[in-house]
Full PDB file with SEQRES, HELIX, SHEET, SSBOND, CRYST1, ORIGX, SCALE, CONECT and MASTER records, all heavy atoms in Angstrom:
SEQRES   1 A   32  ILE ASN LYS ARG ASP VAL GLU ILE ILE TRP GLU GLY LYS          
SEQRES   2 A   32  SER PRO ALA GLY LEU ASP LEU LYS GLU PHE LYS LEU GLU          
SEQRES   3 A   32  PHE ARG ILE ASN ASP ASN                                      
HELIX    1 AA1 ALA A   16  LEU A   18  5                                   3    
CRYST1    1.000    1.000    1.000  90.00  90.00  90.00 P 1           1          
ORIGX1      1.000000  0.000000  0.000000        0.00000                         
ORIGX2      0.000000  1.000000  0.000000        0.00000                         
ORIGX3      0.000000  0.000000  1.000000        0.00000                         
SCALE1      1.000000  0.000000  0.000000        0.00000                         
SCALE2      0.000000  1.000000  0.000000        0.00000                         
SCALE3      0.000000  0.000000  1.000000        0.00000                         
ATOM      1  N   ILE A   1     122.253  97.946  95.888  1.00  0.00           N  
ATOM      2  CA  ILE A   1     122.034  97.798  94.455  1.00  0.00           C  
ATOM      3  C   ILE A   1     120.654  97.234  94.136  1.00  0.00           C  
ATOM      4  O   ILE A   1     120.244  97.207  92.989  1.00  0.00           O  
ATOM      5  CB  ILE A   1     123.131  96.932  93.792  1.00  0.00           C  
ATOM      6  CG1 ILE A   1     123.122  95.511  94.338  1.00  0.00           C  
ATOM      7  CG2 ILE A   1     124.489  97.578  93.925  1.00  0.00           C  
ATOM      8  CD1 ILE A   1     124.021  94.559  93.582  1.00  0.00           C  
ATOM      9  N   ASN A   2     119.915  96.799  95.151  1.00  0.00           N  
ATOM     10  CA  ASN A   2     118.578  96.259  94.949  1.00  0.00           C  
ATOM     11  C   ASN A   2     117.474  97.274  95.200  1.00  0.00           C  
ATOM     12  O   ASN A   2     116.309  96.964  95.027  1.00  0.00           O  
ATOM     13  CB  ASN A   2     118.346  95.041  95.847  1.00  0.00           C  
ATOM     14  CG  ASN A   2     119.170  93.859  95.411  1.00  0.00           C  
ATOM     15  OD1 ASN A   2     119.409  93.675  94.227  1.00  0.00           O  
ATOM     16  ND2 ASN A   2     119.622  93.069  96.361  1.00  0.00           N  
ATOM     17  N   LYS A   3     117.848  98.476  95.637  1.00  0.00           N  
ATOM     18  CA  LYS A   3     116.831  99.489  95.895  1.00  0.00           C  
ATOM     19  C   LYS A   3     117.259 100.822  95.304  1.00  0.00           C  
ATOM     20  O   LYS A   3     118.430 101.067  95.054  1.00  0.00           O  
ATOM     21  CB  LYS A   3     116.564  99.642  97.394  1.00  0.00           C  
ATOM     22  CG  LYS A   3     117.704 100.220  98.174  1.00  0.00           C  
ATOM     23  CD  LYS A   3     117.325 100.394  99.630  1.00  0.00           C  
ATOM     24  CE  LYS A   3     118.478 101.089 100.359  1.00  0.00           C  
ATOM     25  NZ  LYS A   3     118.128 101.456 101.704  1.00  0.00           N  
ATOM     26  N   ARG A   4     116.264 101.649  95.064  1.00  0.00           N  
ATOM     27  CA  ARG A   4     116.480 102.989  94.522  1.00  0.00           C  
ATOM     28  C   ARG A   4     115.897 103.981  95.517  1.00  0.00           C  
ATOM     29  O   ARG A   4     114.699 103.938  95.805  1.00  0.00           O  
ATOM     30  CB  ARG A   4     115.782 103.089  93.169  1.00  0.00           C  
ATOM     31  CG  ARG A   4     115.764 104.475  92.605  1.00  0.00           C  
ATOM     32  CD  ARG A   4     115.198 104.522  91.213  1.00  0.00           C  
ATOM     33  NE  ARG A   4     114.018 103.698  91.052  1.00  0.00           N  
ATOM     34  CZ  ARG A   4     113.143 103.875  90.074  1.00  0.00           C  
ATOM     35  NH1 ARG A   4     113.321 104.800  89.188  1.00  0.00           N  
ATOM     36  NH2 ARG A   4     112.093 103.100  89.986  1.00  0.00           N  
ATOM     37  N   ASP A   5     116.742 104.838  96.050  1.00  0.00           N  
ATOM     38  CA  ASP A   5     116.290 105.857  97.000  1.00  0.00           C  
ATOM     39  C   ASP A   5     115.945 107.144  96.266  1.00  0.00           C  
ATOM     40  O   ASP A   5     116.676 107.568  95.369  1.00  0.00           O  
ATOM     41  CB  ASP A   5     117.371 106.159  98.043  1.00  0.00           C  
ATOM     42  CG  ASP A   5     117.551 105.038  99.037  1.00  0.00           C  
ATOM     43  OD1 ASP A   5     116.630 104.210  99.177  1.00  0.00           O  
ATOM     44  OD2 ASP A   5     118.610 104.984  99.691  1.00  0.00           O  
ATOM     45  N   VAL A   6     114.831 107.741  96.658  1.00  0.00           N  
ATOM     46  CA  VAL A   6     114.403 109.018  96.106  1.00  0.00           C  
ATOM     47  C   VAL A   6     114.231 109.992  97.274  1.00  0.00           C  
ATOM     48  O   VAL A   6     113.549 109.681  98.253  1.00  0.00           O  
ATOM     49  CB  VAL A   6     113.072 108.882  95.332  1.00  0.00           C  
ATOM     50  CG1 VAL A   6     112.611 110.229  94.806  1.00  0.00           C  
ATOM     51  CG2 VAL A   6     113.217 107.882  94.203  1.00  0.00           C  
ATOM     52  N   GLU A   7     114.857 111.140  97.152  1.00  0.00           N  
ATOM     53  CA  GLU A   7     114.801 112.176  98.174  1.00  0.00           C  
ATOM     54  C   GLU A   7     113.655 113.129  97.828  1.00  0.00           C  
ATOM     55  O   GLU A   7     113.570 113.608  96.695  1.00  0.00           O  
ATOM     56  CB  GLU A   7     116.136 112.918  98.137  1.00  0.00           C  
ATOM     57  CG  GLU A   7     116.454 113.775  99.282  1.00  0.00           C  
ATOM     58  CD  GLU A   7     117.860 114.342  99.148  1.00  0.00           C  
ATOM     59  OE1 GLU A   7     118.220 114.840  98.069  1.00  0.00           O  
ATOM     60  OE2 GLU A   7     118.584 114.262 100.134  1.00  0.00           O  
ATOM     61  N   ILE A   8     112.781 113.387  98.788  1.00  0.00           N  
ATOM     62  CA  ILE A   8     111.660 114.304  98.578  1.00  0.00           C  
ATOM     63  C   ILE A   8     111.894 115.525  99.452  1.00  0.00           C  
ATOM     64  O   ILE A   8     111.964 115.418 100.683  1.00  0.00           O  
ATOM     65  CB  ILE A   8     110.318 113.616  98.915  1.00  0.00           C  
ATOM     66  CG1 ILE A   8     110.146 112.388  98.018  1.00  0.00           C  
ATOM     67  CG2 ILE A   8     109.159 114.584  98.753  1.00  0.00           C  
ATOM     68  CD1 ILE A   8     109.109 111.413  98.481  1.00  0.00           C  
ATOM     69  N   ILE A   9     112.034 116.672  98.801  1.00  0.00           N  
ATOM     70  CA  ILE A   9     112.400 117.909  99.490  1.00  0.00           C  
ATOM     71  C   ILE A   9     111.306 118.944  99.282  1.00  0.00           C  
ATOM     72  O   ILE A   9     110.935 119.248  98.143  1.00  0.00           O  
ATOM     73  CB  ILE A   9     113.739 118.449  98.951  1.00  0.00           C  
ATOM     74  CG1 ILE A   9     114.832 117.387  99.087  1.00  0.00           C  
ATOM     75  CG2 ILE A   9     114.126 119.747  99.650  1.00  0.00           C  
ATOM     76  CD1 ILE A   9     116.084 117.694  98.306  1.00  0.00           C  
ATOM     77  N   TRP A  10     110.806 119.467 100.382  1.00  0.00           N  
ATOM     78  CA  TRP A  10     109.801 120.528 100.318  1.00  0.00           C  
ATOM     79  C   TRP A  10     110.535 121.860 100.345  1.00  0.00           C  
ATOM     80  O   TRP A  10     111.340 122.120 101.228  1.00  0.00           O  
ATOM     81  CB  TRP A  10     108.845 120.435 101.509  1.00  0.00           C  
ATOM     82  CG  TRP A  10     107.719 121.401 101.425  1.00  0.00           C  
ATOM     83  CD1 TRP A  10     107.740 122.730 101.772  1.00  0.00           C  
ATOM     84  CD2 TRP A  10     106.400 121.152 100.944  1.00  0.00           C  
ATOM     85  NE1 TRP A  10     106.526 123.305 101.522  1.00  0.00           N  
ATOM     86  CE2 TRP A  10     105.679 122.358 101.021  1.00  0.00           C  
ATOM     87  CE3 TRP A  10     105.767 120.016 100.450  1.00  0.00           C  
ATOM     88  CZ2 TRP A  10     104.350 122.466 100.628  1.00  0.00           C  
ATOM     89  CZ3 TRP A  10     104.438 120.128 100.068  1.00  0.00           C  
ATOM     90  CH2 TRP A  10     103.746 121.335 100.150  1.00  0.00           C  
ATOM     91  N   GLU A  11     110.249 122.733  99.370  1.00  0.00           N  
ATOM     92  CA  GLU A  11     110.844 124.064  99.337  1.00  0.00           C  
ATOM     93  C   GLU A  11     109.742 125.106  99.348  1.00  0.00           C  
ATOM     94  O   GLU A  11     108.714 124.938  98.706  1.00  0.00           O  
ATOM     95  CB  GLU A  11     111.712 124.245  98.083  1.00  0.00           C  
ATOM     96  CG  GLU A  11     113.028 123.536  98.164  1.00  0.00           C  
ATOM     97  CD  GLU A  11     113.997 123.956  97.066  1.00  0.00           C  
ATOM     98  OE1 GLU A  11     113.610 124.699  96.150  1.00  0.00           O  
ATOM     99  OE2 GLU A  11     115.153 123.521  97.140  1.00  0.00           O  
ATOM    100  N   GLY A  12     109.992 126.199 100.056  1.00  0.00           N  
ATOM    101  CA  GLY A  12     109.028 127.290 100.078  1.00  0.00           C  
ATOM    102  C   GLY A  12     108.137 127.253 101.296  1.00  0.00           C  
ATOM    103  O   GLY A  12     108.459 126.651 102.314  1.00  0.00           O  
ATOM    104  N   LYS A  13     106.981 127.892 101.156  1.00  0.00           N  
ATOM    105  CA  LYS A  13     106.024 128.002 102.257  1.00  0.00           C  
ATOM    106  C   LYS A  13     105.435 126.645 102.616  1.00  0.00           C  
ATOM    107  O   LYS A  13     105.460 125.710 101.833  1.00  0.00           O  
ATOM    108  CB  LYS A  13     104.881 128.943 101.864  1.00  0.00           C  
ATOM    109  CG  LYS A  13     105.298 130.370 101.638  1.00  0.00           C  
ATOM    110  CD  LYS A  13     104.071 131.192 101.266  1.00  0.00           C  
ATOM    111  CE  LYS A  13     104.437 132.635 100.981  1.00  0.00           C  
ATOM    112  NZ  LYS A  13     103.245 133.429 100.641  1.00  0.00           N  
ATOM    113  N   SER A  14     104.853 126.588 103.805  1.00  0.00           N  
ATOM    114  CA  SER A  14     104.168 125.374 104.258  1.00  0.00           C  
ATOM    115  C   SER A  14     102.930 125.129 103.394  1.00  0.00           C  
ATOM    116  O   SER A  14     102.470 126.039 102.686  1.00  0.00           O  
ATOM    117  CB  SER A  14     103.736 125.543 105.717  1.00  0.00           C  
ATOM    118  OG  SER A  14     102.717 126.523 105.802  1.00  0.00           O  
ATOM    119  N   PRO A  15     102.360 123.929 103.453  1.00  0.00           N  
ATOM    120  CA  PRO A  15     101.131 123.683 102.698  1.00  0.00           C  
ATOM    121  C   PRO A  15     100.029 124.698 103.039  1.00  0.00           C  
ATOM    122  O   PRO A  15      99.381 125.234 102.131  1.00  0.00           O  
ATOM    123  CB  PRO A  15     100.732 122.260 103.121  1.00  0.00           C  
ATOM    124  CG  PRO A  15     102.036 121.600 103.465  1.00  0.00           C  
ATOM    125  CD  PRO A  15     102.852 122.692 104.095  1.00  0.00           C  
ATOM    126  N   ALA A  16      99.841 124.979 104.326  1.00  0.00           N  
ATOM    127  CA  ALA A  16      98.816 125.958 104.716  1.00  0.00           C  
ATOM    128  C   ALA A  16      99.152 127.344 104.171  1.00  0.00           C  
ATOM    129  O   ALA A  16      98.259 128.094 103.773  1.00  0.00           O  
ATOM    130  CB  ALA A  16      98.678 126.003 106.236  1.00  0.00           C  
ATOM    131  N   GLY A  17     100.436 127.685 104.146  1.00  0.00           N  
ATOM    132  CA  GLY A  17     100.870 128.970 103.608  1.00  0.00           C  
ATOM    133  C   GLY A  17     100.608 129.106 102.116  1.00  0.00           C  
ATOM    134  O   GLY A  17     100.582 130.207 101.579  1.00  0.00           O  
ATOM    135  N   LEU A  18     100.418 127.986 101.440  1.00  0.00           N  
ATOM    136  CA  LEU A  18     100.090 127.966 100.009  1.00  0.00           C  
ATOM    137  C   LEU A  18      98.599 127.741  99.781  1.00  0.00           C  
ATOM    138  O   LEU A  18      98.186 127.448  98.659  1.00  0.00           O  
ATOM    139  CB  LEU A  18     100.903 126.873  99.307  1.00  0.00           C  
ATOM    140  CG  LEU A  18     102.417 127.072  99.322  1.00  0.00           C  
ATOM    141  CD1 LEU A  18     103.128 125.824  98.820  1.00  0.00           C  
ATOM    142  CD2 LEU A  18     102.798 128.281  98.491  1.00  0.00           C  
ATOM    143  N   ASP A  19      97.811 127.855 100.841  1.00  0.00           N  
ATOM    144  CA  ASP A  19      96.359 127.667 100.805  1.00  0.00           C  
ATOM    145  C   ASP A  19      95.981 126.236 100.397  1.00  0.00           C  
ATOM    146  O   ASP A  19      94.952 126.001  99.788  1.00  0.00           O  
ATOM    147  CB  ASP A  19      95.700 128.690  99.877  1.00  0.00           C  
ATOM    148  CG  ASP A  19      94.201 128.821 100.136  1.00  0.00           C  
ATOM    149  OD1 ASP A  19      93.796 128.702 101.318  1.00  0.00           O  
ATOM    150  OD2 ASP A  19      93.426 129.018  99.173  1.00  0.00           O  
ATOM    151  N   LEU A  20      96.842 125.276 100.743  1.00  0.00           N  
ATOM    152  CA  LEU A  20      96.578 123.872 100.435  1.00  0.00           C  
ATOM    153  C   LEU A  20      96.000 123.164 101.651  1.00  0.00           C  
ATOM    154  O   LEU A  20      96.562 123.225 102.738  1.00  0.00           O  
ATOM    155  CB  LEU A  20      97.875 123.162 100.036  1.00  0.00           C  
ATOM    156  CG  LEU A  20      98.452 123.511  98.678  1.00  0.00           C  
ATOM    157  CD1 LEU A  20      99.884 123.021  98.563  1.00  0.00           C  
ATOM    158  CD2 LEU A  20      97.598 122.920  97.572  1.00  0.00           C  
ATOM    159  N   LYS A  21      94.883 122.494 101.456  1.00  0.00           N  
ATOM    160  CA  LYS A  21      94.343 121.643 102.507  1.00  0.00           C  
ATOM    161  C   LYS A  21      95.189 120.387 102.612  1.00  0.00           C  
ATOM    162  O   LYS A  21      95.495 119.900 103.694  1.00  0.00           O  
ATOM    163  CB  LYS A  21      92.887 121.291 102.231  1.00  0.00           C  
ATOM    164  CG  LYS A  21      92.241 120.513 103.329  1.00  0.00           C  
ATOM    165  CD  LYS A  21      90.753 120.418 103.149  1.00  0.00           C  
ATOM    166  CE  LYS A  21      90.154 119.738 104.372  1.00  0.00           C  
ATOM    167  NZ  LYS A  21      88.697 119.815 104.352  1.00  0.00           N  
ATOM    168  N   GLU A  22      95.576 119.840 101.433  1.00  0.00           N  
ATOM    169  CA  GLU A  22      96.492 118.707 101.403  1.00  0.00           C  
ATOM    170  C   GLU A  22      97.239 118.677 100.073  1.00  0.00           C  
ATOM    171  O   GLU A  22      96.747 119.137  99.049  1.00  0.00           O  
ATOM    172  CB  GLU A  22      95.771 117.380 101.639  1.00  0.00           C  
ATOM    173  CG  GLU A  22      94.757 117.008 100.597  1.00  0.00           C  
ATOM    174  CD  GLU A  22      94.002 115.738 100.934  1.00  0.00           C  
ATOM    175  OE1 GLU A  22      94.044 115.279 102.075  1.00  0.00           O  
ATOM    176  OE2 GLU A  22      93.376 115.199 100.013  1.00  0.00           O  
ATOM    177  N   PHE A  23      98.429 118.140 100.141  1.00  0.00           N  
ATOM    178  CA  PHE A  23      99.301 117.979  98.983  1.00  0.00           C  
ATOM    179  C   PHE A  23      99.805 116.539  99.032  1.00  0.00           C  
ATOM    180  O   PHE A  23     100.380 116.131 100.033  1.00  0.00           O  
ATOM    181  CB  PHE A  23     100.478 118.957  99.079  1.00  0.00           C  
ATOM    182  CG  PHE A  23     101.428 118.908  97.920  1.00  0.00           C  
ATOM    183  CD1 PHE A  23     101.346 119.842  96.910  1.00  0.00           C  
ATOM    184  CD2 PHE A  23     102.409 117.933  97.844  1.00  0.00           C  
ATOM    185  CE1 PHE A  23     102.231 119.815  95.839  1.00  0.00           C  
ATOM    186  CE2 PHE A  23     103.291 117.880  96.783  1.00  0.00           C  
ATOM    187  CZ  PHE A  23     103.205 118.832  95.772  1.00  0.00           C  
ATOM    188  N   LYS A  24      99.544 115.787  97.976  1.00  0.00           N  
ATOM    189  CA  LYS A  24      99.934 114.379  97.972  1.00  0.00           C  
ATOM    190  C   LYS A  24     100.882 114.089  96.816  1.00  0.00           C  
ATOM    191  O   LYS A  24     100.676 114.568  95.703  1.00  0.00           O  
ATOM    192  CB  LYS A  24      98.714 113.469  97.798  1.00  0.00           C  
ATOM    193  CG  LYS A  24      97.724 113.498  98.925  1.00  0.00           C  
ATOM    194  CD  LYS A  24      96.567 112.556  98.604  1.00  0.00           C  
ATOM    195  CE  LYS A  24      95.478 112.637  99.633  1.00  0.00           C  
ATOM    196  NZ  LYS A  24      94.336 111.775  99.270  1.00  0.00           N  
ATOM    197  N   LEU A  25     101.889 113.291  97.109  1.00  0.00           N  
ATOM    198  CA  LEU A  25     102.699 112.658  96.077  1.00  0.00           C  
ATOM    199  C   LEU A  25     102.223 111.217  96.011  1.00  0.00           C  
ATOM    200  O   LEU A  25     102.178 110.524  97.024  1.00  0.00           O  
ATOM    201  CB  LEU A  25     104.182 112.692  96.442  1.00  0.00           C  
ATOM    202  CG  LEU A  25     104.871 114.033  96.378  1.00  0.00           C  
ATOM    203  CD1 LEU A  25     106.307 113.904  96.851  1.00  0.00           C  
ATOM    204  CD2 LEU A  25     104.836 114.592  94.971  1.00  0.00           C  
ATOM    205  N   GLU A  26     101.832 110.788  94.825  1.00  0.00           N  
ATOM    206  CA  GLU A  26     101.328 109.431  94.651  1.00  0.00           C  
ATOM    207  C   GLU A  26     102.287 108.659  93.746  1.00  0.00           C  
ATOM    208  O   GLU A  26     102.663 109.145  92.681  1.00  0.00           O  
ATOM    209  CB  GLU A  26      99.925 109.461  94.049  1.00  0.00           C  
ATOM    210  CG  GLU A  26      98.939 110.194  94.935  1.00  0.00           C  
ATOM    211  CD  GLU A  26      97.556 110.347  94.335  1.00  0.00           C  
ATOM    212  OE1 GLU A  26      97.402 110.223  93.099  1.00  0.00           O  
ATOM    213  OE2 GLU A  26      96.628 110.598  95.114  1.00  0.00           O  
ATOM    214  N   PHE A  27     102.675 107.471  94.191  1.00  0.00           N  
ATOM    215  CA  PHE A  27     103.612 106.628  93.457  1.00  0.00           C  
ATOM    216  C   PHE A  27     102.898 105.350  93.040  1.00  0.00           C  
ATOM    217  O   PHE A  27     102.409 104.604  93.883  1.00  0.00           O  
ATOM    218  CB  PHE A  27     104.822 106.286  94.330  1.00  0.00           C  
ATOM    219  CG  PHE A  27     105.614 107.497  94.740  1.00  0.00           C  
ATOM    220  CD1 PHE A  27     105.346 108.133  95.944  1.00  0.00           C  
ATOM    221  CD2 PHE A  27     106.606 108.000  93.928  1.00  0.00           C  
ATOM    222  CE1 PHE A  27     106.067 109.251  96.331  1.00  0.00           C  
ATOM    223  CE2 PHE A  27     107.333 109.115  94.310  1.00  0.00           C  
ATOM    224  CZ  PHE A  27     107.068 109.747  95.507  1.00  0.00           C  
ATOM    225  N   ARG A  28     102.837 105.110  91.729  1.00  0.00           N  
ATOM    226  CA  ARG A  28     102.205 103.900  91.198  1.00  0.00           C  
ATOM    227  C   ARG A  28     103.309 102.916  90.825  1.00  0.00           C  
ATOM    228  O   ARG A  28     104.273 103.263  90.143  1.00  0.00           O  
ATOM    229  CB  ARG A  28     101.351 104.243  89.980  1.00  0.00           C  
ATOM    230  CG  ARG A  28     100.645 103.059  89.378  1.00  0.00           C  
ATOM    231  CD  ARG A  28      99.646 103.458  88.337  1.00  0.00           C  
ATOM    232  NE  ARG A  28     100.294 104.065  87.177  1.00  0.00           N  
ATOM    233  CZ  ARG A  28      99.616 104.556  86.137  1.00  0.00           C  
ATOM    234  NH1 ARG A  28      98.295 104.549  86.127  1.00  0.00           N  
ATOM    235  NH2 ARG A  28     100.268 105.078  85.121  1.00  0.00           N  
ATOM    236  N   ILE A  29     103.147 101.686  91.255  1.00  0.00           N  
ATOM    237  CA  ILE A  29     104.146 100.653  91.047  1.00  0.00           C  
ATOM    238  C   ILE A  29     103.677  99.671  89.974  1.00  0.00           C  
ATOM    239  O   ILE A  29     102.582  99.102  90.086  1.00  0.00           O  
ATOM    240  CB  ILE A  29     104.422  99.875  92.369  1.00  0.00           C  
ATOM    241  CG1 ILE A  29     104.599 100.821  93.561  1.00  0.00           C  
ATOM    242  CG2 ILE A  29     105.604  98.930  92.205  1.00  0.00           C  
ATOM    243  CD1 ILE A  29     105.735 101.792  93.453  1.00  0.00           C  
ATOM    244  N   ASN A  30     104.485  99.497  88.942  1.00  0.00           N  
ATOM    245  CA  ASN A  30     104.231  98.505  87.882  1.00  0.00           C  
ATOM    246  C   ASN A  30     102.851  98.637  87.247  1.00  0.00           C  
ATOM    247  O   ASN A  30     102.149  97.640  87.037  1.00  0.00           O  
ATOM    248  CB  ASN A  30     104.465  97.088  88.408  1.00  0.00           C  
ATOM    249  CG  ASN A  30     105.896  96.873  88.848  1.00  0.00           C  
ATOM    250  OD1 ASN A  30     106.817  97.392  88.246  1.00  0.00           O  
ATOM    251  ND2 ASN A  30     106.073  96.132  89.929  1.00  0.00           N  
ATOM    252  N   ASP A  31     102.422  99.868  86.966  1.00  0.00           N  
ATOM    253  CA  ASP A  31     101.143 100.159  86.296  1.00  0.00           C  
ATOM    254  C   ASP A  31      99.917  99.661  87.053  1.00  0.00           C  
ATOM    255  O   ASP A  31      98.843  99.509  86.472  1.00  0.00           O  
ATOM    256  CB  ASP A  31     101.113  99.576  84.875  1.00  0.00           C  
ATOM    257  CG  ASP A  31     102.124 100.230  83.959  1.00  0.00           C  
ATOM    258  OD1 ASP A  31     102.257 101.467  84.004  1.00  0.00           O  
ATOM    259  OD2 ASP A  31     102.786  99.503  83.198  1.00  0.00           O  
ATOM    260  N   ASN A  32     100.072  99.383  88.336  1.00  0.00           N  
ATOM    261  CA  ASN A  32      98.977  98.839  89.129  1.00  0.00           C  
ATOM    262  C   ASN A  32      98.298  99.971  89.893  1.00  0.00           C  
ATOM    263  O   ASN A  32      98.835 100.484  90.870  1.00  0.00           O  
ATOM    264  CB  ASN A  32      99.524  97.784  90.098  1.00  0.00           C  
ATOM    265  CG  ASN A  32      98.446  97.093  90.884  1.00  0.00           C  
ATOM    266  OD1 ASN A  32      97.299  97.535  90.916  1.00  0.00           O  
ATOM    267  ND2 ASN A  32      98.799  96.008  91.535  1.00  0.00           N  
TER     268      ASN A  32                                                      
MASTER        0    0    0    1    0    0    0    6  267    1    0    3          
END                                                                             
């Protein structure tokens, strides 16, 4: 009850298959 779990699921082609050099998910905590 003190934590919140978030599941991150990749669907589709690989990053390279989508012509991506990199793909980032960025999480900002408390507006910082």
